[in-house]
Amino acid sequence: MGRAPIAVIDLAALRHNLAVARLAAPERRIMAVIKSNGYGHGLLRVAAALEEADAFAVACVEEAMQIRHGGMSQPIILLEGFHDARELGQICKEDFELVIHHEWQLEAMLDFSCNWSGRVWIKIDTGMGRIGFHADQAAAIYERLRATGRLAMDKIGWMTHLANADDRNDNTTNRQIERFEQALKGIPGLRSIANSAGLLGWPQTHADWVRPGLMLYG
């Protein structure tokens, strides 16, 4: 019988990669993506190693609660928002930040009686073609959020995801930046565009927050 394989996680390497992200995007805030159990490396282990990050981005409420119970105090962003409106009570209580990318999520959040203190990010689809609101919906969404009176205007953020930033010769990233900027022209709020490839290869995507994921792990 063979021995079971052992995976050795180099936490110093994780910290080094976070430092590389800082150097690549100076003066930007870093939302370290540790979803899916820290990309399989162990959620709490990774969170502790990346404690210098400005915030953590996870997939769901369950992952966010693990981090909170682990004693981490950084803002936590739910990249998938919520899967059931019944989660909103816990999200509001814990001040988790939400990424809203579907109309039903927006409706549920607006209908829920809560004075939101965590930031609400609106995801705009600029070319990924996966999830997010159409770019021409941004102004109307902003007005709907403003009209609730339960969300401070400085708590609204805007996010998009890059489709092919790994390829520096593909003009898709430039087109996505243009769509994002045009959609949000005259609309206030923090911006987040860059994933790992954007952070390293496209400085014009750095905006206010960068979202390194894969680059942190190897």
C-alpha atoms as a PDB file:
ATOM      1  CA  MET A   1       0.000   0.000   0.000  1.00  0.00           C
ATOM      2  CA  GLY A   2       1.395   3.396  -0.973  1.00  0.00           C
ATOM      3  CA  ARG A   3       1.566   6.313   1.389  1.00  0.00           C
ATOM      4  CA  ALA A   4      -0.971   9.119   1.103  1.00  0.00           C
ATOM      5  CA  PRO A   5       0.374  12.214  -0.664  1.00  0.00           C
ATOM      6  CA  ILE A   6       1.164  15.257   1.457  1.00  0.00           C
ATOM      7  CA  ALA A   7       0.752  18.848   0.269  1.00  0.00           C
ATOM      8  CA  VAL A   8       3.139  21.347   1.867  1.00  0.00           C
ATOM      9  CA  ILE A   9       1.822  24.937   1.898  1.00  0.00           C
ATOM     10  CA  ASP A  10       4.543  27.596   1.931  1.00  0.00           C
ATOM     11  CA  LEU A  11       2.905  30.458   3.840  1.00  0.00           C
ATOM     12  CA  ALA A  12       5.959  32.655   3.337  1.00  0.00           C
ATOM     13  CA  ALA A  13       5.410  32.342  -0.417  1.00  0.00           C
ATOM     14  CA  LEU A  14       1.832  33.561   0.006  1.00  0.00           C
ATOM     15  CA  ARG A  15       3.065  36.602   1.916  1.00  0.00           C
ATOM     16  CA  HIS A  16       5.713  37.221  -0.743  1.00  0.00           C
ATOM     17  CA  ASN A  17       3.117  37.109  -3.512  1.00  0.00           C
ATOM     18  CA  LEU A  18       0.953  39.608  -1.657  1.00  0.00           C
ATOM     19  CA  ALA A  19       3.986  41.890  -1.404  1.00  0.00           C
ATOM     20  CA  VAL A  20       4.468  41.542  -5.176  1.00  0.00           C
ATOM     21  CA  ALA A  21       0.862  42.660  -5.646  1.00  0.00           C
ATOM     22  CA  ARG A  22       1.549  45.706  -3.463  1.00  0.00           C
ATOM     23  CA  LEU A  23       4.587  46.623  -5.550  1.00  0.00           C
ATOM     24  CA  ALA A  24       2.665  46.200  -8.793  1.00  0.00           C
ATOM     25  CA  ALA A  25      -0.236  48.370  -7.635  1.00  0.00           C
ATOM     26  CA  PRO A  26       1.165  50.912  -5.160  1.00  0.00           C
ATOM     27  CA  GLU A  27      -1.334  53.057  -3.275  1.00  0.00           C
ATOM     28  CA  ARG A  28      -4.196  50.766  -4.319  1.00  0.00           C
ATOM     29  CA  ARG A  29      -6.174  48.744  -1.837  1.00  0.00           C
ATOM     30  CA  ILE A  30      -5.960  44.982  -2.120  1.00  0.00           C
ATOM     31  CA  MET A  31      -8.922  42.631  -1.946  1.00  0.00           C
ATOM     32  CA  ALA A  32      -7.215  39.252  -1.568  1.00  0.00           C
ATOM     33  CA  VAL A  33      -9.356  36.544  -3.164  1.00  0.00           C
ATOM     34  CA  ILE A  34      -9.405  33.484  -0.905  1.00  0.00           C
ATOM     35  CA  LYS A  35     -12.602  31.836  -2.147  1.00  0.00           C
ATOM     36  CA  SER A  36     -13.017  28.067  -2.534  1.00  0.00           C
ATOM     37  CA  ASN A  37     -11.157  27.266   0.671  1.00  0.00           C
ATOM     38  CA  GLY A  38      -8.292  29.556  -0.259  1.00  0.00           C
ATOM     39  CA  TYR A  39      -8.055  27.944  -3.713  1.00  0.00           C
ATOM     40  CA  GLY A  40      -7.717  24.642  -1.907  1.00  0.00           C
ATOM     41  CA  HIS A  41      -4.912  25.787   0.399  1.00  0.00           C
ATOM     42  CA  GLY A  42      -7.042  26.098   3.565  1.00  0.00           C
ATOM     43  CA  LEU A  43      -9.219  29.146   4.165  1.00  0.00           C
ATOM     44  CA  LEU A  44      -8.103  30.186   7.661  1.00  0.00           C
ATOM     45  CA  ARG A  45      -4.471  29.299   7.010  1.00  0.00           C
ATOM     46  CA  VAL A  46      -4.442  31.497   3.925  1.00  0.00           C
ATOM     47  CA  ALA A  47      -6.329  34.351   5.612  1.00  0.00           C
ATOM     48  CA  ALA A  48      -3.810  34.407   8.447  1.00  0.00           C
ATOM     49  CA  ALA A  49      -0.883  34.410   6.012  1.00  0.00           C
ATOM     50  CA  LEU A  50      -2.454  37.267   4.038  1.00  0.00           C
ATOM     51  CA  GLU A  51      -3.429  39.358   7.056  1.00  0.00           C
ATOM     52  CA  GLU A  52      -1.754  42.405   5.485  1.00  0.00           C
ATOM     53  CA  ALA A  53      -4.449  42.507   2.789  1.00  0.00           C
ATOM     54  CA  ASP A  54      -6.956  45.363   3.055  1.00  0.00           C
ATOM     55  CA  ALA A  55      -9.920  43.011   2.617  1.00  0.00           C
ATOM     56  CA  PHE A  56     -10.767  39.403   1.839  1.00  0.00           C
ATOM     57  CA  ALA A  57     -12.996  38.255  -1.012  1.00  0.00           C
ATOM     58  CA  VAL A  58     -14.816  34.950  -0.606  1.00  0.00           C
ATOM     59  CA  ALA A  59     -17.565  33.144  -2.469  1.00  0.00           C
ATOM     60  CA  CYS A  60     -20.310  32.841   0.111  1.00  0.00           C
ATOM     61  CA  VAL A  61     -21.616  33.562   3.610  1.00  0.00           C
ATOM     62  CA  GLU A  62     -20.300  30.271   4.974  1.00  0.00           C
ATOM     63  CA  GLU A  63     -16.728  31.160   4.044  1.00  0.00           C
ATOM     64  CA  ALA A  64     -17.157  34.678   5.426  1.00  0.00           C
ATOM     65  CA  MET A  65     -18.329  33.320   8.784  1.00  0.00           C
ATOM     66  CA  GLN A  66     -15.339  31.004   9.003  1.00  0.00           C
ATOM     67  CA  ILE A  67     -13.037  33.995   8.676  1.00  0.00           C
ATOM     68  CA  ARG A  68     -14.987  36.013  11.248  1.00  0.00           C
ATOM     69  CA  HIS A  69     -14.918  33.123  13.715  1.00  0.00           C
ATOM     70  CA  GLY A  70     -11.205  32.802  13.015  1.00  0.00           C
ATOM     71  CA  GLY A  71     -10.700  36.275  14.476  1.00  0.00           C
ATOM     72  CA  MET A  72      -9.917  38.225  11.296  1.00  0.00           C
ATOM     73  CA  SER A  73     -11.234  41.807  11.311  1.00  0.00           C
ATOM     74  CA  GLN A  74     -10.714  42.846   7.679  1.00  0.00           C
ATOM     75  CA  PRO A  75     -13.728  43.711   5.523  1.00  0.00           C
ATOM     76  CA  ILE A  76     -15.096  40.602   3.808  1.00  0.00           C
ATOM     77  CA  ILE A  77     -16.635  40.766   0.357  1.00  0.00           C
ATOM     78  CA  LEU A  78     -19.079  38.122  -0.859  1.00  0.00           C
ATOM     79  CA  LEU A  79     -18.195  37.770  -4.543  1.00  0.00           C
ATOM     80  CA  GLU A  80     -21.328  35.749  -5.308  1.00  0.00           C
ATOM     81  CA  GLY A  81     -23.520  38.040  -3.248  1.00  0.00           C
ATOM     82  CA  PHE A  82     -26.128  35.763  -1.716  1.00  0.00           C
ATOM     83  CA  HIS A  83     -27.943  32.676  -2.929  1.00  0.00           C
ATOM     84  CA  ASP A  84     -31.076  33.106  -0.818  1.00  0.00           C
ATOM     85  CA  ALA A  85     -32.701  36.276   0.531  1.00  0.00           C
ATOM     86  CA  ARG A  86     -32.792  34.625   3.960  1.00  0.00           C
ATOM     87  CA  GLU A  87     -29.019  35.183   4.147  1.00  0.00           C
ATOM     88  CA  LEU A  88     -29.454  38.962   4.153  1.00  0.00           C
ATOM     89  CA  GLY A  89     -30.093  39.203   7.896  1.00  0.00           C
ATOM     90  CA  GLN A  90     -26.741  37.626   8.721  1.00  0.00           C
ATOM     91  CA  ILE A  91     -24.963  39.606   6.019  1.00  0.00           C
ATOM     92  CA  CYS A  92     -26.325  42.874   7.388  1.00  0.00           C
ATOM     93  CA  LYS A  93     -25.558  41.918  11.011  1.00  0.00           C
ATOM     94  CA  GLU A  94     -21.947  41.009  10.207  1.00  0.00           C
ATOM     95  CA  ASP A  95     -21.382  44.049   7.938  1.00  0.00           C
ATOM     96  CA  PHE A  96     -20.243  41.839   5.079  1.00  0.00           C
ATOM     97  CA  GLU A  97     -19.862  43.576   1.736  1.00  0.00           C
ATOM     98  CA  LEU A  98     -22.032  42.357  -1.123  1.00  0.00           C
ATOM     99  CA  VAL A  99     -21.413  41.977  -4.833  1.00  0.00           C
ATOM    100  CA  ILE A 100     -24.755  42.257  -6.609  1.00  0.00           C
ATOM    101  CA  HIS A 101     -24.828  40.879 -10.133  1.00  0.00           C
ATOM    102  CA  HIS A 102     -28.428  39.756 -10.766  1.00  0.00           C
ATOM    103  CA  GLU A 103     -31.704  41.662 -10.812  1.00  0.00           C
ATOM    104  CA  TRP A 104     -33.299  39.328  -8.248  1.00  0.00           C
ATOM    105  CA  GLN A 105     -30.443  40.059  -5.823  1.00  0.00           C
ATOM    106  CA  LEU A 106     -30.914  43.784  -6.266  1.00  0.00           C
ATOM    107  CA  GLU A 107     -34.661  43.500  -5.679  1.00  0.00           C
ATOM    108  CA  ALA A 108     -34.191  41.350  -2.580  1.00  0.00           C
ATOM    109  CA  MET A 109     -31.614  43.729  -1.120  1.00  0.00           C
ATOM    110  CA  LEU A 110     -33.806  46.773  -1.757  1.00  0.00           C
ATOM    111  CA  ASP A 111     -36.810  45.038  -0.174  1.00  0.00           C
ATOM    112  CA  PHE A 112     -34.860  43.972   2.919  1.00  0.00           C
ATOM    113  CA  SER A 113     -35.205  46.369   5.855  1.00  0.00           C
ATOM    114  CA  CYS A 114     -31.616  47.109   6.825  1.00  0.00           C
ATOM    115  CA  ASN A 115     -29.466  50.209   7.103  1.00  0.00           C
ATOM    116  CA  TRP A 116     -26.471  48.826   5.238  1.00  0.00           C
ATOM    117  CA  SER A 117     -23.107  49.692   6.734  1.00  0.00           C
ATOM    118  CA  GLY A 118     -21.111  47.299   4.534  1.00  0.00           C
ATOM    119  CA  ARG A 119     -20.331  48.382   0.996  1.00  0.00           C
ATOM    120  CA  VAL A 120     -22.538  47.144  -1.841  1.00  0.00           C
ATOM    121  CA  TRP A 121     -20.649  46.467  -5.070  1.00  0.00           C
ATOM    122  CA  ILE A 122     -22.550  46.418  -8.360  1.00  0.00           C
ATOM    123  CA  LYS A 123     -20.982  44.136 -10.938  1.00  0.00           C
ATOM    124  CA  ILE A 124     -21.103  45.350 -14.523  1.00  0.00           C
ATOM    125  CA  ASP A 125     -20.595  42.908 -17.387  1.00  0.00           C
ATOM    126  CA  THR A 126     -18.224  44.650 -19.794  1.00  0.00           C
ATOM    127  CA  GLY A 127     -17.389  41.635 -21.916  1.00  0.00           C
ATOM    128  CA  MET A 128     -16.845  38.603 -19.704  1.00  0.00           C
ATOM    129  CA  GLY A 129     -20.311  37.397 -20.663  1.00  0.00           C
ATOM    130  CA  ARG A 130     -20.776  35.451 -17.441  1.00  0.00           C
ATOM    131  CA  ILE A 131     -22.521  37.464 -14.743  1.00  0.00           C
ATOM    132  CA  GLY A 132     -23.280  41.129 -14.141  1.00  0.00           C
ATOM    133  CA  PHE A 133     -25.614  43.906 -15.209  1.00  0.00           C
ATOM    134  CA  HIS A 134     -25.542  45.381 -18.679  1.00  0.00           C
ATOM    135  CA  ALA A 135     -23.446  48.543 -18.805  1.00  0.00           C
ATOM    136  CA  ASP A 136     -26.399  50.760 -19.729  1.00  0.00           C
ATOM    137  CA  GLN A 137     -28.169  49.803 -16.472  1.00  0.00           C
ATOM    138  CA  ALA A 138     -25.587  51.440 -14.202  1.00  0.00           C
ATOM    139  CA  ALA A 139     -27.198  54.880 -13.877  1.00  0.00           C
ATOM    140  CA  ALA A 140     -30.657  53.448 -13.147  1.00  0.00           C
ATOM    141  CA  ILE A 141     -29.243  51.070 -10.528  1.00  0.00           C
ATOM    142  CA  TYR A 142     -27.426  53.921  -8.833  1.00  0.00           C
ATOM    143  CA  GLU A 143     -30.641  55.947  -8.633  1.00  0.00           C
ATOM    144  CA  ARG A 144     -32.530  52.985  -7.180  1.00  0.00           C
ATOM    145  CA  LEU A 145     -29.917  52.516  -4.481  1.00  0.00           C
ATOM    146  CA  ARG A 146     -29.843  56.230  -3.710  1.00  0.00           C
ATOM    147  CA  ALA A 147     -33.615  56.352  -3.389  1.00  0.00           C
ATOM    148  CA  THR A 148     -33.728  53.739  -0.620  1.00  0.00           C
ATOM    149  CA  GLY A 149     -32.186  56.100   1.949  1.00  0.00           C
ATOM    150  CA  ARG A 150     -30.762  53.037   3.736  1.00  0.00           C
ATOM    151  CA  LEU A 151     -27.397  53.056   2.036  1.00  0.00           C
ATOM    152  CA  ALA A 152     -24.837  55.847   2.269  1.00  0.00           C
ATOM    153  CA  MET A 153     -23.692  56.935  -1.177  1.00  0.00           C
ATOM    154  CA  ASP A 154     -20.057  56.369  -0.262  1.00  0.00           C
ATOM    155  CA  LYS A 155     -20.955  52.712   0.337  1.00  0.00           C
ATOM    156  CA  ILE A 156     -21.719  52.027  -3.320  1.00  0.00           C
ATOM    157  CA  GLY A 157     -18.915  50.475  -5.378  1.00  0.00           C
ATOM    158  CA  TRP A 158     -18.628  49.265  -8.961  1.00  0.00           C
ATOM    159  CA  MET A 159     -16.874  46.156 -10.202  1.00  0.00           C
ATOM    160  CA  THR A 160     -16.217  44.304 -13.438  1.00  0.00           C
ATOM    161  CA  HIS A 161     -14.211  41.235 -14.414  1.00  0.00           C
ATOM    162  CA  LEU A 162     -11.627  40.966 -17.169  1.00  0.00           C
ATOM    163  CA  ALA A 163     -12.170  38.294 -19.797  1.00  0.00           C
ATOM    164  CA  ASN A 164      -8.704  37.867 -21.300  1.00  0.00           C
ATOM    165  CA  ALA A 165      -6.164  40.027 -19.503  1.00  0.00           C
ATOM    166  CA  ASP A 166      -3.635  37.187 -19.664  1.00  0.00           C
ATOM    167  CA  ASP A 167      -3.095  38.045 -23.332  1.00  0.00           C
ATOM    168  CA  ARG A 168      -1.334  41.395 -23.611  1.00  0.00           C
ATOM    169  CA  ASN A 169      -1.891  41.383 -27.373  1.00  0.00           C
ATOM    170  CA  ASP A 170      -5.662  41.096 -27.093  1.00  0.00           C
ATOM    171  CA  ASN A 171      -7.457  44.458 -27.159  1.00  0.00           C
ATOM    172  CA  THR A 172     -10.433  43.036 -25.237  1.00  0.00           C
ATOM    173  CA  THR A 173      -9.136  44.476 -21.959  1.00  0.00           C
ATOM    174  CA  ASN A 174      -8.918  47.996 -23.386  1.00  0.00           C
ATOM    175  CA  ARG A 175     -12.451  47.686 -24.729  1.00  0.00           C
ATOM    176  CA  GLN A 176     -13.697  46.517 -21.333  1.00  0.00           C
ATOM    177  CA  ILE A 177     -12.053  49.462 -19.589  1.00  0.00           C
ATOM    178  CA  GLU A 178     -13.708  51.839 -22.049  1.00  0.00           C
ATOM    179  CA  ARG A 179     -17.139  50.263 -21.520  1.00  0.00           C
ATOM    180  CA  PHE A 180     -16.742  50.395 -17.749  1.00  0.00           C
ATOM    181  CA  GLU A 181     -15.672  54.039 -17.723  1.00  0.00           C
ATOM    182  CA  GLN A 182     -18.419  55.038 -20.127  1.00  0.00           C
ATOM    183  CA  ALA A 183     -21.081  53.206 -18.130  1.00  0.00           C
ATOM    184  CA  LEU A 184     -20.033  54.983 -14.923  1.00  0.00           C
ATOM    185  CA  LYS A 185     -19.401  58.437 -16.344  1.00  0.00           C
ATOM    186  CA  GLY A 186     -20.619  60.944 -13.770  1.00  0.00           C
ATOM    187  CA  ILE A 187     -21.536  58.200 -11.274  1.00  0.00           C
ATOM    188  CA  PRO A 188     -19.655  58.277  -7.945  1.00  0.00           C
ATOM    189  CA  GLY A 189     -18.295  55.265  -6.123  1.00  0.00           C
ATOM    190  CA  LEU A 190     -15.137  53.198  -5.753  1.00  0.00           C
ATOM    191  CA  ARG A 191     -14.060  51.083  -8.716  1.00  0.00           C
ATOM    192  CA  SER A 192     -12.527  47.601  -8.936  1.00  0.00           C
ATOM    193  CA  ILE A 193     -11.421  46.105 -12.257  1.00  0.00           C
ATOM    194  CA  ALA A 194      -8.115  44.254 -11.977  1.00  0.00           C
ATOM    195  CA  ASN A 195      -7.829  40.539 -11.370  1.00  0.00           C
ATOM    196  CA  SER A 196      -4.360  38.981 -11.108  1.00  0.00           C
ATOM    197  CA  ALA A 197      -3.588  39.353 -14.816  1.00  0.00           C
ATOM    198  CA  GLY A 198      -4.888  42.916 -14.871  1.00  0.00           C
ATOM    199  CA  LEU A 199      -2.896  43.835 -11.791  1.00  0.00           C
ATOM    200  CA  LEU A 200       0.366  42.550 -13.258  1.00  0.00           C
ATOM    201  CA  GLY A 201      -0.060  43.455 -16.911  1.00  0.00           C
ATOM    202  CA  TRP A 202      -2.515  46.333 -17.263  1.00  0.00           C
ATOM    203  CA  PRO A 203      -1.803  49.237 -14.863  1.00  0.00           C
ATOM    204  CA  GLN A 204      -4.770  51.157 -16.277  1.00  0.00           C
ATOM    205  CA  THR A 205      -7.064  48.591 -14.628  1.00  0.00           C
ATOM    206  CA  HIS A 206      -5.832  49.239 -11.081  1.00  0.00           C
ATOM    207  CA  ALA A 207      -8.587  51.746 -10.185  1.00  0.00           C
ATOM    208  CA  ASP A 208      -9.288  51.945  -6.412  1.00  0.00           C
ATOM    209  CA  TRP A 209      -9.226  48.245  -5.486  1.00  0.00           C
ATOM    210  CA  VAL A 210      -7.343  45.368  -7.105  1.00  0.00           C
ATOM    211  CA  ARG A 211      -8.421  41.745  -6.694  1.00  0.00           C
ATOM    212  CA  PRO A 212      -5.440  39.341  -6.848  1.00  0.00           C
ATOM    213  CA  GLY A 213      -6.460  35.704  -6.781  1.00  0.00           C
ATOM    214  CA  LEU A 214      -4.422  33.106  -8.653  1.00  0.00           C
ATOM    215  CA  MET A 215      -1.202  35.123  -8.441  1.00  0.00           C
ATOM    216  CA  LEU A 216      -1.204  34.755  -4.669  1.00  0.00           C
ATOM    217  CA  TYR A 217      -0.917  30.978  -4.833  1.00  0.00           C
ATOM    218  CA  GLY A 218       1.987  30.289  -7.141  1.00  0.00           C
END
